[in-house]
Amino acid sequence: MEEQPKVKMSKHVCACGPILTNISGNPLLDIIAVLDDADSLTILKGLMRKEVRSPFPDGLYGMDPQRTNKALRGLLRAGLVNSRVEGPDHIYYIHVERFKELKEFVDGLVNNQAEKA
């Protein structure tokens, strides 16, 4: 039986392992905190149009690689972005389920049904 050559992963920000264990007991605060970053918003706006494939040695959306990776790590920690493996690359996409808590919060503010005093 011939051994298959191991596929070398491209350089990427990994969504596996300890990065996802940093989600706190207050996910809404995690989400709002990461949205308070212009680079994170830039990545989310880009991912709304199209998923991205690693590696990105020139960065994404006009940002250098360091800014891109820092913002992507924050989005991964907050659970707003996820990735899947395709061959040697990771494909990054918006984790829609994670935004449902934020949507409920904003809907509650917009459609305020608070009991009147």
PDB file of N, CA and C in Angstrom:
ATOM      1  N   MET A   1       0.846  -1.182   0.000  1.00  0.00           N
ATOM      2  CA  MET A   1       0.000   0.000   0.000  1.00  0.00           C
ATOM      3  C   MET A   1       0.890   1.244   0.000  1.00  0.00           C
ATOM      4  N   GLU A   2       0.661   2.101  -0.953  1.00  0.00           N
ATOM      5  CA  GLU A   2       1.470   3.304  -1.098  1.00  0.00           C
ATOM      6  C   GLU A   2       0.979   4.396  -0.164  1.00  0.00           C
ATOM      7  N   GLU A   3       1.914   5.006   0.537  1.00  0.00           N
ATOM      8  CA  GLU A   3       1.545   6.070   1.475  1.00  0.00           C
ATOM      9  C   GLU A   3       1.300   7.368   0.713  1.00  0.00           C
ATOM     10  N   GLN A   4       0.181   8.036   1.033  1.00  0.00           N
ATOM     11  CA  GLN A   4      -0.167   9.301   0.395  1.00  0.00           C
ATOM     12  C   GLN A   4       0.700  10.412   0.981  1.00  0.00           C
ATOM     13  N   PRO A   5       1.198  11.304   0.124  1.00  0.00           N
ATOM     14  CA  PRO A   5       1.982  12.421   0.666  1.00  0.00           C
ATOM     15  C   PRO A   5       1.091  13.337   1.497  1.00  0.00           C
ATOM     16  N   LYS A   6       1.643  13.815   2.594  1.00  0.00           N
ATOM     17  CA  LYS A   6       0.884  14.692   3.483  1.00  0.00           C
ATOM     18  C   LYS A   6       0.761  16.077   2.850  1.00  0.00           C
ATOM     19  N   VAL A   7      -0.466  16.598   2.823  1.00  0.00           N
ATOM     20  CA  VAL A   7      -0.716  17.921   2.260  1.00  0.00           C
ATOM     21  C   VAL A   7      -0.278  18.964   3.280  1.00  0.00           C
ATOM     22  N   LYS A   8       0.577  19.875   2.848  1.00  0.00           N
ATOM     23  CA  LYS A   8       1.044  20.939   3.739  1.00  0.00           C
ATOM     24  C   LYS A   8       0.012  22.064   3.744  1.00  0.00           C
ATOM     25  N   MET A   9      -0.428  22.447   4.937  1.00  0.00           N
ATOM     26  CA  MET A   9      -1.422  23.512   5.069  1.00  0.00           C
ATOM     27  C   MET A   9      -0.803  24.849   4.682  1.00  0.00           C
ATOM     28  N   SER A  10      -1.605  25.681   4.041  1.00  0.00           N
ATOM     29  CA  SER A  10      -1.152  27.031   3.716  1.00  0.00           C
ATOM     30  C   SER A  10      -1.110  27.861   4.998  1.00  0.00           C
ATOM     31  N   LYS A  11      -0.389  28.962   4.959  1.00  0.00           N
ATOM     32  CA  LYS A  11      -0.327  29.859   6.124  1.00  0.00           C
ATOM     33  C   LYS A  11      -1.724  30.437   6.343  1.00  0.00           C
ATOM     34  N   HIS A  12      -2.209  30.319   7.573  1.00  0.00           N
ATOM     35  CA  HIS A  12      -3.577  30.747   7.862  1.00  0.00           C
ATOM     36  C   HIS A  12      -3.724  31.082   9.340  1.00  0.00           C
ATOM     37  N   VAL A  13      -4.836  31.718   9.675  1.00  0.00           N
ATOM     38  CA  VAL A  13      -5.216  31.948  11.066  1.00  0.00           C
ATOM     39  C   VAL A  13      -6.133  30.795  11.422  1.00  0.00           C
ATOM     40  N   CYS A  14      -5.684  29.929  12.304  1.00  0.00           N
ATOM     41  CA  CYS A  14      -6.401  28.692  12.573  1.00  0.00           C
ATOM     42  C   CYS A  14      -7.593  28.916  13.503  1.00  0.00           C
ATOM     43  N   ALA A  15      -8.718  28.320  13.125  1.00  0.00           N
ATOM     44  CA  ALA A  15      -9.929  28.403  13.941  1.00  0.00           C
ATOM     45  C   ALA A  15     -10.070  27.161  14.806  1.00  0.00           C
ATOM     46  N   CYS A  16      -9.051  26.327  14.820  1.00  0.00           N
ATOM     47  CA  CYS A  16      -9.081  25.099  15.604  1.00  0.00           C
ATOM     48  C   CYS A  16      -8.401  25.346  16.949  1.00  0.00           C
ATOM     49  N   GLY A  17      -8.628  24.459  17.863  1.00  0.00           N
ATOM     50  CA  GLY A  17      -7.886  24.490  19.109  1.00  0.00           C
ATOM     51  C   GLY A  17      -8.268  25.591  20.072  1.00  0.00           C
ATOM     52  N   PRO A  18      -7.282  26.133  20.801  1.00  0.00           N
ATOM     53  CA  PRO A  18      -7.565  27.010  21.939  1.00  0.00           C
ATOM     54  C   PRO A  18      -8.179  28.361  21.593  1.00  0.00           C
ATOM     55  N   ILE A  19      -8.114  28.802  20.341  1.00  0.00           N
ATOM     56  CA  ILE A  19      -8.664  30.124  20.015  1.00  0.00           C
ATOM     57  C   ILE A  19     -10.156  30.192  20.330  1.00  0.00           C
ATOM     58  N   LEU A  20     -10.871  29.086  20.176  1.00  0.00           N
ATOM     59  CA  LEU A  20     -12.312  29.112  20.401  1.00  0.00           C
ATOM     60  C   LEU A  20     -12.694  28.892  21.858  1.00  0.00           C
ATOM     61  N   THR A  21     -11.738  28.607  22.718  1.00  0.00           N
ATOM     62  CA  THR A  21     -12.058  28.419  24.131  1.00  0.00           C
ATOM     63  C   THR A  21     -12.099  29.749  24.877  1.00  0.00           C
ATOM     64  N   ASN A  22     -11.859  30.839  24.167  1.00  0.00           N
ATOM     65  CA  ASN A  22     -11.824  32.154  24.805  1.00  0.00           C
ATOM     66  C   ASN A  22     -13.177  32.845  24.843  1.00  0.00           C
ATOM     67  N   ILE A  23     -14.239  32.196  24.359  1.00  0.00           N
ATOM     68  CA  ILE A  23     -15.562  32.806  24.385  1.00  0.00           C
ATOM     69  C   ILE A  23     -15.999  32.884  25.842  1.00  0.00           C
ATOM     70  N   SER A  24     -16.385  34.066  26.277  1.00  0.00           N
ATOM     71  CA  SER A  24     -16.711  34.284  27.687  1.00  0.00           C
ATOM     72  C   SER A  24     -18.139  33.855  27.995  1.00  0.00           C
ATOM     73  N   GLY A  25     -18.517  34.075  29.226  1.00  0.00           N
ATOM     74  CA  GLY A  25     -19.884  33.796  29.645  1.00  0.00           C
ATOM     75  C   GLY A  25     -20.858  34.860  29.183  1.00  0.00           C
ATOM     76  N   ASN A  26     -20.365  35.931  28.583  1.00  0.00           N
ATOM     77  CA  ASN A  26     -21.218  37.006  28.093  1.00  0.00           C
ATOM     78  C   ASN A  26     -20.969  37.194  26.595  1.00  0.00           C
ATOM     79  N   PRO A  27     -21.546  36.299  25.768  1.00  0.00           N
ATOM     80  CA  PRO A  27     -21.264  36.358  24.334  1.00  0.00           C
ATOM     81  C   PRO A  27     -21.679  37.671  23.682  1.00  0.00           C
ATOM     82  N   LEU A  28     -22.722  38.307  24.166  1.00  0.00           N
ATOM     83  CA  LEU A  28     -23.152  39.578  23.586  1.00  0.00           C
ATOM     84  C   LEU A  28     -22.057  40.633  23.746  1.00  0.00           C
ATOM     85  N   LEU A  29     -21.420  40.660  24.909  1.00  0.00           N
ATOM     86  CA  LEU A  29     -20.320  41.599  25.138  1.00  0.00           C
ATOM     87  C   LEU A  29     -19.131  41.278  24.230  1.00  0.00           C
ATOM     88  N   ASP A  30     -18.834  39.989  24.038  1.00  0.00           N
ATOM     89  CA  ASP A  30     -17.759  39.586  23.123  1.00  0.00           C
ATOM     90  C   ASP A  30     -18.022  40.119  21.718  1.00  0.00           C
ATOM     91  N   ILE A  31     -19.260  39.976  21.265  1.00  0.00           N
ATOM     92  CA  ILE A  31     -19.635  40.400  19.918  1.00  0.00           C
ATOM     93  C   ILE A  31     -19.512  41.915  19.781  1.00  0.00           C
ATOM     94  N   ILE A  32     -20.087  42.643  20.728  1.00  0.00           N
ATOM     95  CA  ILE A  32     -20.065  44.107  20.656  1.00  0.00           C
ATOM     96  C   ILE A  32     -18.630  44.626  20.736  1.00  0.00           C
ATOM     97  N   ALA A  33     -17.803  44.009  21.570  1.00  0.00           N
ATOM     98  CA  ALA A  33     -16.409  44.444  21.714  1.00  0.00           C
ATOM     99  C   ALA A  33     -15.644  44.294  20.404  1.00  0.00           C
ATOM    100  N   VAL A  34     -15.808  43.183  19.713  1.00  0.00           N
ATOM    101  CA  VAL A  34     -15.070  42.981  18.461  1.00  0.00           C
ATOM    102  C   VAL A  34     -15.620  43.875  17.348  1.00  0.00           C
ATOM    103  N   LEU A  35     -16.894  44.232  17.419  1.00  0.00           N
ATOM    104  CA  LEU A  35     -17.475  45.121  16.412  1.00  0.00           C
ATOM    105  C   LEU A  35     -17.029  46.570  16.601  1.00  0.00           C
ATOM    106  N   ASP A  36     -16.359  46.845  17.718  1.00  0.00           N
ATOM    107  CA  ASP A  36     -15.835  48.185  17.994  1.00  0.00           C
ATOM    108  C   ASP A  36     -14.443  48.373  17.375  1.00  0.00           C
ATOM    109  N   ASP A  37     -14.130  47.566  16.378  1.00  0.00           N
ATOM    110  CA  ASP A  37     -12.833  47.622  15.714  1.00  0.00           C
ATOM    111  C   ASP A  37     -13.055  47.794  14.210  1.00  0.00           C
ATOM    112  N   ALA A  38     -12.506  48.858  13.644  1.00  0.00           N
ATOM    113  CA  ALA A  38     -12.720  49.170  12.223  1.00  0.00           C
ATOM    114  C   ALA A  38     -12.225  48.052  11.307  1.00  0.00           C
ATOM    115  N   ASP A  39     -11.096  47.425  11.656  1.00  0.00           N
ATOM    116  CA  ASP A  39     -10.566  46.353  10.810  1.00  0.00           C
ATOM    117  C   ASP A  39     -11.481  45.129  10.827  1.00  0.00           C
ATOM    118  N   SER A  40     -12.036  44.821  11.992  1.00  0.00           N
ATOM    119  CA  SER A  40     -12.982  43.703  12.086  1.00  0.00           C
ATOM    120  C   SER A  40     -14.215  43.972  11.234  1.00  0.00           C
ATOM    121  N   LEU A  41     -14.714  45.200  11.288  1.00  0.00           N
ATOM    122  CA  LEU A  41     -15.871  45.556  10.459  1.00  0.00           C
ATOM    123  C   LEU A  41     -15.531  45.461   8.975  1.00  0.00           C
ATOM    124  N   THR A  42     -14.325  45.859   8.607  1.00  0.00           N
ATOM    125  CA  THR A  42     -13.898  45.765   7.210  1.00  0.00           C
ATOM    126  C   THR A  42     -13.913  44.315   6.740  1.00  0.00           C
ATOM    127  N   ILE A  43     -13.391  43.415   7.563  1.00  0.00           N
ATOM    128  CA  ILE A  43     -13.388  41.996   7.196  1.00  0.00           C
ATOM    129  C   ILE A  43     -14.811  41.468   7.090  1.00  0.00           C
ATOM    130  N   LEU A  44     -15.669  41.804   8.056  1.00  0.00           N
ATOM    131  CA  LEU A  44     -17.053  41.331   7.996  1.00  0.00           C
ATOM    132  C   LEU A  44     -17.766  41.835   6.743  1.00  0.00           C
ATOM    133  N   LYS A  45     -17.555  43.098   6.394  1.00  0.00           N
ATOM    134  CA  LYS A  45     -18.176  43.643   5.178  1.00  0.00           C
ATOM    135  C   LYS A  45     -17.691  42.891   3.942  1.00  0.00           C
ATOM    136  N   GLY A  46     -16.408  42.563   3.915  1.00  0.00           N
ATOM    137  CA  GLY A  46     -15.869  41.793   2.796  1.00  0.00           C
ATOM    138  C   GLY A  46     -16.438  40.390   2.740  1.00  0.00           C
ATOM    139  N   LEU A  47     -16.555  39.748   3.909  1.00  0.00           N
ATOM    140  CA  LEU A  47     -17.091  38.386   3.957  1.00  0.00           C
ATOM    141  C   LEU A  47     -18.581  38.339   3.637  1.00  0.00           C
ATOM    142  N   MET A  48     -19.262  39.461   3.786  1.00  0.00           N
ATOM    143  CA  MET A  48     -20.672  39.514   3.381  1.00  0.00           C
ATOM    144  C   MET A  48     -20.791  39.364   1.863  1.00  0.00           C
ATOM    145  N   ARG A  49     -19.760  39.772   1.136  1.00  0.00           N
ATOM    146  CA  ARG A  49     -19.767  39.677  -0.325  1.00  0.00           C
ATOM    147  C   ARG A  49     -19.218  38.343  -0.818  1.00  0.00           C
ATOM    148  N   LYS A  50     -18.138  37.851  -0.151  1.00  0.00           N
ATOM    149  CA  LYS A  50     -17.487  36.641  -0.643  1.00  0.00           C
ATOM    150  C   LYS A  50     -16.606  36.036   0.443  1.00  0.00           C
ATOM    151  N   GLU A  51     -16.642  34.710   0.566  1.00  0.00           N
ATOM    152  CA  GLU A  51     -15.734  34.014   1.470  1.00  0.00           C
ATOM    153  C   GLU A  51     -14.303  34.206   0.979  1.00  0.00           C
ATOM    154  N   VAL A  52     -13.330  34.081   1.890  1.00  0.00           N
ATOM    155  CA  VAL A  52     -11.927  34.230   1.494  1.00  0.00           C
ATOM    156  C   VAL A  52     -11.148  32.962   1.794  1.00  0.00           C
ATOM    157  N   ARG A  53     -10.137  32.730   0.985  1.00  0.00           N
ATOM    158  CA  ARG A  53      -9.289  31.542   1.083  1.00  0.00           C
ATOM    159  C   ARG A  53      -7.896  31.958   1.544  1.00  0.00           C
ATOM    160  N   SER A  54      -7.345  31.209   2.515  1.00  0.00           N
ATOM    161  CA  SER A  54      -5.960  31.443   2.928  1.00  0.00           C
ATOM    162  C   SER A  54      -5.035  30.853   1.863  1.00  0.00           C
ATOM    163  N   PRO A  55      -3.829  31.330   1.774  1.00  0.00           N
ATOM    164  CA  PRO A  55      -3.214  32.407   2.536  1.00  0.00           C
ATOM    165  C   PRO A  55      -3.526  33.765   1.918  1.00  0.00           C
ATOM    166  N   PHE A  56      -3.283  34.800   2.672  1.00  0.00           N
ATOM    167  CA  PHE A  56      -3.408  36.168   2.161  1.00  0.00           C
ATOM    168  C   PHE A  56      -2.154  36.944   2.563  1.00  0.00           C
ATOM    169  N   PRO A  57      -1.046  36.690   1.844  1.00  0.00           N
ATOM    170  CA  PRO A  57       0.233  37.318   2.192  1.00  0.00           C
ATOM    171  C   PRO A  57       0.231  38.835   2.046  1.00  0.00           C
ATOM    172  N   ASP A  58      -0.692  39.360   1.251  1.00  0.00           N
ATOM    173  CA  ASP A  58      -0.780  40.816   1.082  1.00  0.00           C
ATOM    174  C   ASP A  58      -1.882  41.420   1.937  1.00  0.00           C
ATOM    175  N   GLY A  59      -2.468  40.622   2.831  1.00  0.00           N
ATOM    176  CA  GLY A  59      -3.571  41.091   3.654  1.00  0.00           C
ATOM    177  C   GLY A  59      -4.882  41.039   2.885  1.00  0.00           C
ATOM    178  N   LEU A  60      -5.909  41.608   3.476  1.00  0.00           N
ATOM    179  CA  LEU A  60      -7.240  41.633   2.863  1.00  0.00           C
ATOM    180  C   LEU A  60      -7.798  43.045   2.899  1.00  0.00           C
ATOM    181  N   TYR A  61      -8.574  43.380   1.904  1.00  0.00           N
ATOM    182  CA  TYR A  61      -9.374  44.613   1.883  1.00  0.00           C
ATOM    183  C   TYR A  61      -8.554  45.869   2.183  1.00  0.00           C
ATOM    184  N   GLY A  62      -7.335  45.908   1.639  1.00  0.00           N
ATOM    185  CA  GLY A  62      -6.491  47.087   1.816  1.00  0.00           C
ATOM    186  C   GLY A  62      -5.702  47.123   3.113  1.00  0.00           C
ATOM    187  N   MET A  63      -5.828  46.092   3.937  1.00  0.00           N
ATOM    188  CA  MET A  63      -5.074  46.034   5.200  1.00  0.00           C
ATOM    189  C   MET A  63      -3.827  45.184   5.001  1.00  0.00           C
ATOM    190  N   ASP A  64      -2.766  45.486   5.745  1.00  0.00           N
ATOM    191  CA  ASP A  64      -1.569  44.658   5.663  1.00  0.00           C
ATOM    192  C   ASP A  64      -1.830  43.329   6.379  1.00  0.00           C
ATOM    193  N   PRO A  65      -0.940  42.340   6.198  1.00  0.00           N
ATOM    194  CA  PRO A  65      -1.171  41.019   6.794  1.00  0.00           C
ATOM    195  C   PRO A  65      -1.322  41.037   8.319  1.00  0.00           C
ATOM    196  N   GLN A  66      -0.552  41.879   9.008  1.00  0.00           N
ATOM    197  CA  GLN A  66      -0.633  41.917  10.473  1.00  0.00           C
ATOM    198  C   GLN A  66      -2.006  42.405  10.935  1.00  0.00           C
ATOM    199  N   ARG A  67      -2.489  43.479  10.338  1.00  0.00           N
ATOM    200  CA  ARG A  67      -3.822  43.997  10.701  1.00  0.00           C
ATOM    201  C   ARG A  67      -4.901  42.973  10.361  1.00  0.00           C
ATOM    202  N   THR A  68      -4.765  42.353   9.194  1.00  0.00           N
ATOM    203  CA  THR A  68      -5.738  41.347   8.770  1.00  0.00           C
ATOM    204  C   THR A  68      -5.793  40.205   9.773  1.00  0.00           C
ATOM    205  N   ASN A  69      -4.632  39.659  10.128  1.00  0.00           N
ATOM    206  CA  ASN A  69      -4.586  38.518  11.042  1.00  0.00           C
ATOM    207  C   ASN A  69      -5.100  38.880  12.428  1.00  0.00           C
ATOM    208  N   LYS A  70      -4.756  40.059  12.915  1.00  0.00           N
ATOM    209  CA  LYS A  70      -5.222  40.492  14.240  1.00  0.00           C
ATOM    210  C   LYS A  70      -6.747  40.599  14.261  1.00  0.00           C
ATOM    211  N   ALA A  71      -7.316  41.237  13.246  1.00  0.00           N
ATOM    212  CA  ALA A  71      -8.773  41.385  13.190  1.00  0.00           C
ATOM    213  C   ALA A  71      -9.450  40.029  13.021  1.00  0.00           C
ATOM    214  N   LEU A  72      -8.875  39.176  12.190  1.00  0.00           N
ATOM    215  CA  LEU A  72      -9.459  37.854  11.967  1.00  0.00           C
ATOM    216  C   LEU A  72      -9.424  37.019  13.241  1.00  0.00           C
ATOM    217  N   ARG A  73      -8.347  37.106  14.004  1.00  0.00           N
ATOM    218  CA  ARG A  73      -8.281  36.383  15.286  1.00  0.00           C
ATOM    219  C   ARG A  73      -9.382  36.858  16.241  1.00  0.00           C
ATOM    220  N   GLY A  74      -9.588  38.167  16.311  1.00  0.00           N
ATOM    221  CA  GLY A  74     -10.651  38.692  17.173  1.00  0.00           C
ATOM    222  C   GLY A  74     -12.021  38.197  16.747  1.00  0.00           C
ATOM    223  N   LEU A  75     -12.267  38.177  15.452  1.00  0.00           N
ATOM    224  CA  LEU A  75     -13.555  37.694  14.936  1.00  0.00           C
ATOM    225  C   LEU A  75     -13.731  36.206  15.207  1.00  0.00           C
ATOM    226  N   LEU A  76     -12.652  35.442  15.085  1.00  0.00           N
ATOM    227  CA  LEU A  76     -12.713  34.009  15.386  1.00  0.00           C
ATOM    228  C   LEU A  76     -12.982  33.786  16.873  1.00  0.00           C
ATOM    229  N   ARG A  77     -12.291  34.536  17.745  1.00  0.00           N
ATOM    230  CA  ARG A  77     -12.496  34.400  19.198  1.00  0.00           C
ATOM    231  C   ARG A  77     -13.930  34.719  19.599  1.00  0.00           C
ATOM    232  N   ALA A  78     -14.508  35.719  18.960  1.00  0.00           N
ATOM    233  CA  ALA A  78     -15.893  36.096  19.265  1.00  0.00           C
ATOM    234  C   ALA A  78     -16.891  35.148  18.610  1.00  0.00           C
ATOM    235  N   GLY A  79     -16.396  34.273  17.750  1.00  0.00           N
ATOM    236  CA  GLY A  79     -17.274  33.309  17.093  1.00  0.00           C
ATOM    237  C   GLY A  79     -18.031  33.882  15.906  1.00  0.00           C
ATOM    238  N   LEU A  80     -17.657  35.071  15.443  1.00  0.00           N
ATOM    239  CA  LEU A  80     -18.378  35.705  14.338  1.00  0.00           C
ATOM    240  C   LEU A  80     -17.920  35.210  12.977  1.00  0.00           C
ATOM    241  N   VAL A  81     -16.717  34.671  12.920  1.00  0.00           N
ATOM    242  CA  VAL A  81     -16.176  34.103  11.690  1.00  0.00           C
ATOM    243  C   VAL A  81     -15.747  32.680  12.003  1.00  0.00           C
ATOM    244  N   ASN A  82     -15.905  31.810  11.026  1.00  0.00           N
ATOM    245  CA  ASN A  82     -15.481  30.426  11.167  1.00  0.00           C
ATOM    246  C   ASN A  82     -14.696  30.059   9.927  1.00  0.00           C
ATOM    247  N   SER A  83     -14.127  28.862   9.920  1.00  0.00           N
ATOM    248  CA  SER A  83     -13.404  28.416   8.735  1.00  0.00           C
ATOM    249  C   SER A  83     -13.631  26.936   8.515  1.00  0.00           C
ATOM    250  N   ARG A  84     -13.405  26.531   7.275  1.00  0.00           N
ATOM    251  CA  ARG A  84     -13.426  25.116   6.928  1.00  0.00           C
ATOM    252  C   ARG A  84     -12.163  24.849   6.112  1.00  0.00           C
ATOM    253  N   VAL A  85     -11.705  23.617   6.145  1.00  0.00           N
ATOM    254  CA  VAL A  85     -10.491  23.246   5.432  1.00  0.00           C
ATOM    255  C   VAL A  85     -10.861  22.725   4.050  1.00  0.00           C
ATOM    256  N   GLU A  86     -10.174  23.234   3.037  1.00  0.00           N
ATOM    257  CA  GLU A  86     -10.282  22.725   1.670  1.00  0.00           C
ATOM    258  C   GLU A  86      -8.870  22.529   1.159  1.00  0.00           C
ATOM    259  N   GLY A  87      -8.444  21.273   1.082  1.00  0.00           N
ATOM    260  CA  GLY A  87      -7.071  20.996   0.670  1.00  0.00           C
ATOM    261  C   GLY A  87      -6.109  21.629   1.649  1.00  0.00           C
ATOM    262  N   PRO A  88      -5.125  22.366   1.156  1.00  0.00           N
ATOM    263  CA  PRO A  88      -4.148  22.976   2.059  1.00  0.00           C
ATOM    264  C   PRO A  88      -4.614  24.317   2.636  1.00  0.00           C
ATOM    265  N   ASP A  89      -5.780  24.777   2.236  1.00  0.00           N
ATOM    266  CA  ASP A  89      -6.239  26.113   2.618  1.00  0.00           C
ATOM    267  C   ASP A  89      -7.386  26.078   3.621  1.00  0.00           C
ATOM    268  N   HIS A  90      -7.575  27.208   4.272  1.00  0.00           N
ATOM    269  CA  HIS A  90      -8.760  27.436   5.093  1.00  0.00           C
ATOM    270  C   HIS A  90      -9.630  28.435   4.350  1.00  0.00           C
ATOM    271  N   ILE A  91     -10.934  28.208   4.382  1.00  0.00           N
ATOM    272  CA  ILE A  91     -11.901  29.126   3.792  1.00  0.00           C
ATOM    273  C   ILE A  91     -12.611  29.799   4.961  1.00  0.00           C
ATOM    274  N   TYR A  92     -12.580  31.127   5.002  1.00  0.00           N
ATOM    275  CA  TYR A  92     -13.191  31.890   6.094  1.00  0.00           C
ATOM    276  C   TYR A  92     -14.544  32.420   5.654  1.00  0.00           C
ATOM    277  N   TYR A  93     -15.520  32.336   6.565  1.00  0.00           N
ATOM    278  CA  TYR A  93     -16.886  32.768   6.264  1.00  0.00           C
ATOM    279  C   TYR A  93     -17.557  33.267   7.539  1.00  0.00           C
ATOM    280  N   ILE A  94     -18.640  34.005   7.364  1.00  0.00           N
ATOM    281  CA  ILE A  94     -19.399  34.531   8.503  1.00  0.00           C
ATOM    282  C   ILE A  94     -20.151  33.396   9.183  1.00  0.00           C
ATOM    283  N   HIS A  95     -20.052  33.337  10.500  1.00  0.00           N
ATOM    284  CA  HIS A  95     -20.769  32.346  11.302  1.00  0.00           C
ATOM    285  C   HIS A  95     -22.127  32.951  11.686  1.00  0.00           C
ATOM    286  N   VAL A  96     -23.090  32.768  10.813  1.00  0.00           N
ATOM    287  CA  VAL A  96     -24.396  33.432  10.916  1.00  0.00           C
ATOM    288  C   VAL A  96     -25.084  33.157  12.252  1.00  0.00           C
ATOM    289  N   GLU A  97     -25.014  31.936  12.736  1.00  0.00           N
ATOM    290  CA  GLU A  97     -25.698  31.570  13.989  1.00  0.00           C
ATOM    291  C   GLU A  97     -25.289  32.477  15.143  1.00  0.00           C
ATOM    292  N   ARG A  98     -24.037  32.869  15.149  1.00  0.00           N
ATOM    293  CA  ARG A  98     -23.504  33.661  16.265  1.00  0.00           C
ATOM    294  C   ARG A  98     -24.101  35.067  16.300  1.00  0.00           C
ATOM    295  N   PHE A  99     -24.582  35.548  15.162  1.00  0.00           N
ATOM    296  CA  PHE A  99     -25.159  36.889  15.105  1.00  0.00           C
ATOM    297  C   PHE A  99     -26.602  36.923  15.609  1.00  0.00           C
ATOM    298  N   LYS A 100     -27.213  35.763  15.825  1.00  0.00           N
ATOM    299  CA  LYS A 100     -28.620  35.736  16.238  1.00  0.00           C
ATOM    300  C   LYS A 100     -28.824  36.401  17.595  1.00  0.00           C
ATOM    301  N   GLU A 101     -27.879  36.222  18.506  1.00  0.00           N
ATOM    302  CA  GLU A 101     -27.988  36.860  19.822  1.00  0.00           C
ATOM    303  C   GLU A 101     -27.946  38.381  19.691  1.00  0.00           C
ATOM    304  N   LEU A 102     -27.071  38.881  18.828  1.00  0.00           N
ATOM    305  CA  LEU A 102     -26.991  40.322  18.585  1.00  0.00           C
ATOM    306  C   LEU A 102     -28.279  40.820  17.928  1.00  0.00           C
ATOM    307  N   LYS A 103     -28.810  40.059  16.996  1.00  0.00           N
ATOM    308  CA  LYS A 103     -30.053  40.437  16.316  1.00  0.00           C
ATOM    309  C   LYS A 103     -31.202  40.545  17.316  1.00  0.00           C
ATOM    310  N   GLU A 104     -31.310  39.567  18.211  1.00  0.00           N
ATOM    311  CA  GLU A 104     -32.368  39.605  19.230  1.00  0.00           C
ATOM    312  C   GLU A 104     -32.223  40.839  20.114  1.00  0.00           C
ATOM    313  N   PHE A 105     -30.990  41.160  20.489  1.00  0.00           N
ATOM    314  CA  PHE A 105     -30.728  42.325  21.329  1.00  0.00           C
ATOM    315  C   PHE A 105     -31.131  43.611  20.611  1.00  0.00           C
ATOM    316  N   VAL A 106     -30.681  43.768  19.371  1.00  0.00           N
ATOM    317  CA  VAL A 106     -30.993  44.980  18.605  1.00  0.00           C
ATOM    318  C   VAL A 106     -32.487  45.058  18.322  1.00  0.00           C
ATOM    319  N   ASP A 107     -33.110  43.935  17.961  1.00  0.00           N
ATOM    320  CA  ASP A 107     -34.561  43.929  17.743  1.00  0.00           C
ATOM    321  C   ASP A 107     -35.299  44.373  19.004  1.00  0.00           C
ATOM    322  N   GLY A 108     -34.816  43.927  20.173  1.00  0.00           N
ATOM    323  CA  GLY A 108     -35.430  44.325  21.435  1.00  0.00           C
ATOM    324  C   GLY A 108     -35.311  45.817  21.692  1.00  0.00           C
ATOM    325  N   LEU A 109     -34.198  46.399  21.264  1.00  0.00           N
ATOM    326  CA  LEU A 109     -34.018  47.846  21.414  1.00  0.00           C
ATOM    327  C   LEU A 109     -34.896  48.615  20.433  1.00  0.00           C
ATOM    328  N   VAL A 110     -34.919  48.166  19.191  1.00  0.00           N
ATOM    329  CA  VAL A 110     -35.670  48.862  18.141  1.00  0.00           C
ATOM    330  C   VAL A 110     -37.175  48.742  18.368  1.00  0.00           C
ATOM    331  N   ASN A 111     -37.608  47.576  18.774  1.00  0.00           N
ATOM    332  CA  ASN A 111     -39.035  47.321  18.989  1.00  0.00           C
ATOM    333  C   ASN A 111     -39.340  47.301  20.479  1.00  0.00           C
ATOM    334  N   ASN A 112     -38.866  48.284  21.190  1.00  0.00           N
ATOM    335  CA  ASN A 112     -38.956  48.325  22.641  1.00  0.00           C
ATOM    336  C   ASN A 112     -40.393  48.123  23.113  1.00  0.00           C
ATOM    337  N   GLN A 113     -40.575  47.061  23.861  1.00  0.00           N
ATOM    338  CA  GLN A 113     -41.883  46.739  24.431  1.00  0.00           C
ATOM    339  C   GLN A 113     -41.826  46.808  25.959  1.00  0.00           C
ATOM    340  N   ALA A 114     -40.950  47.654  26.470  1.00  0.00           N
ATOM    341  CA  ALA A 114     -40.781  47.763  27.919  1.00  0.00           C
ATOM    342  C   ALA A 114     -42.091  48.182  28.571  1.00  0.00           C
ATOM    343  N   GLU A 115     -42.314  47.608  29.733  1.00  0.00           N
ATOM    344  CA  GLU A 115     -43.497  47.975  30.511  1.00  0.00           C
ATOM    345  C   GLU A 115     -43.361  49.438  30.923  1.00  0.00           C
ATOM    346  N   LYS A 116     -44.411  50.188  30.758  1.00  0.00           N
ATOM    347  CA  LYS A 116     -44.397  51.613  31.104  1.00  0.00           C
ATOM    348  C   LYS A 116     -44.421  51.791  32.613  1.00  0.00           C
ATOM    349  N   ALA A 117     -43.705  52.769  33.097  1.00  0.00           N
ATOM    350  CA  ALA A 117     -43.634  53.046  34.539  1.00  0.00           C
ATOM    351  C   ALA A 117     -44.887  53.760  34.998  1.00  0.00           C
TER     352      ALA A 117
END
